[in-house]
Protein backbone atom coordinates (compact mmCIF):
# COMPACT_ATOMS: atom_id res chain seq x y z
CA MET A 1 -0.13 -0.16 0.25
CA THR A 2 2.42 2.62 1.48
CA ILE A 3 4.63 1.98 -2.37
CA MET A 4 1.68 2.46 -4.34
CA PHE A 5 1.18 6.01 -2.50
CA LEU A 6 4.66 6.00 -3.25
CA VAL A 7 4.36 5.54 -6.99
CA ARG A 8 1.54 7.33 -7.34
CA GLY A 9 2.97 10.68 -5.66
CA ILE A 10 5.81 10.36 -7.79
CA THR A 11 4.11 10.41 -11.52
CA GLN A 12 1.91 13.43 -10.06
CA VAL A 13 4.75 15.29 -8.78
CA LEU A 14 6.94 14.95 -11.47
CA ALA A 15 3.70 15.20 -14.33
CA ILE A 16 3.56 11.67 -15.57
CA ASN A 17 1.62 10.78 -17.67
CA LEU A 18 0.23 7.47 -17.31
CA SER A 19 -1.81 5.29 -19.40
CA SER A 20 -5.41 4.96 -18.14
CA SER A 21 -5.01 1.32 -17.74
CA SER A 22 -1.55 2.46 -15.40
CA SER A 23 -3.73 4.71 -13.49
CA HIS A 24 -6.31 1.73 -12.84
CA ALA A 25 -3.68 -0.51 -12.11
CA ILE A 26 -2.11 1.66 -9.78
CA SER A 27 -5.70 2.66 -8.10
CA GLY A 28 -6.67 -0.82 -8.03
CA ILE A 29 -3.70 -2.42 -6.72
CA ALA A 30 -4.18 0.49 -3.58
CA GLY A 31 -7.63 -0.61 -3.39
CA ILE A 32 -6.77 -4.11 -2.81
CA SER A 33 -4.35 -3.13 -0.37
CA HIS A 34 -6.58 -1.30 1.81
CA ILE A 35 -9.12 -4.37 1.67
CA ILE A 36 -6.65 -6.00 3.01
CA VAL A 37 -5.63 -4.23 5.95
CA GLY A 38 -9.19 -3.08 6.80
CA ILE A 39 -9.46 -7.74 6.68
CA ALA A 40 -6.42 -7.29 9.50
CA ILE A 41 -7.61 -4.80 11.69
CA VAL A 42 -11.13 -6.82 12.11
CA LEU A 43 -9.05 -10.05 12.75
CA LEU A 44 -6.73 -8.10 15.32
CA PHE A 45 -10.09 -7.16 16.80
CA ILE A 46 -11.54 -10.43 17.25
CA SER A 47 -8.81 -11.76 18.38
CA LEU A 48 -8.04 -9.16 21.51
CA GLN A 49 -11.66 -9.90 22.44
CA LYS A 50 -10.74 -14.08 22.60
CA SER A 51 -7.66 -13.20 24.37
CA THR A 52 -9.73 -10.83 26.45
CA SER A 53 -12.48 -13.44 27.12
CA THR A 54 -10.17 -16.21 28.09
CA THR A 55 -8.18 -14.22 30.54
CA ASN A 56 -11.56 -13.24 32.22
CA SER A 57 -12.99 -16.89 32.39
């Protein structure tokens, strides 16, 4: 995800014209990365909930 932010930022700062498909590919990879991070956060909270419920029992 960070790499895609870097790539997108460099292309915008240097005013590099990307083809439509390249631009969509960068956006797609960044979107998939955001989905993976969201799933990881949900799994983290599930893990925390399980660990606190076993500690209280």
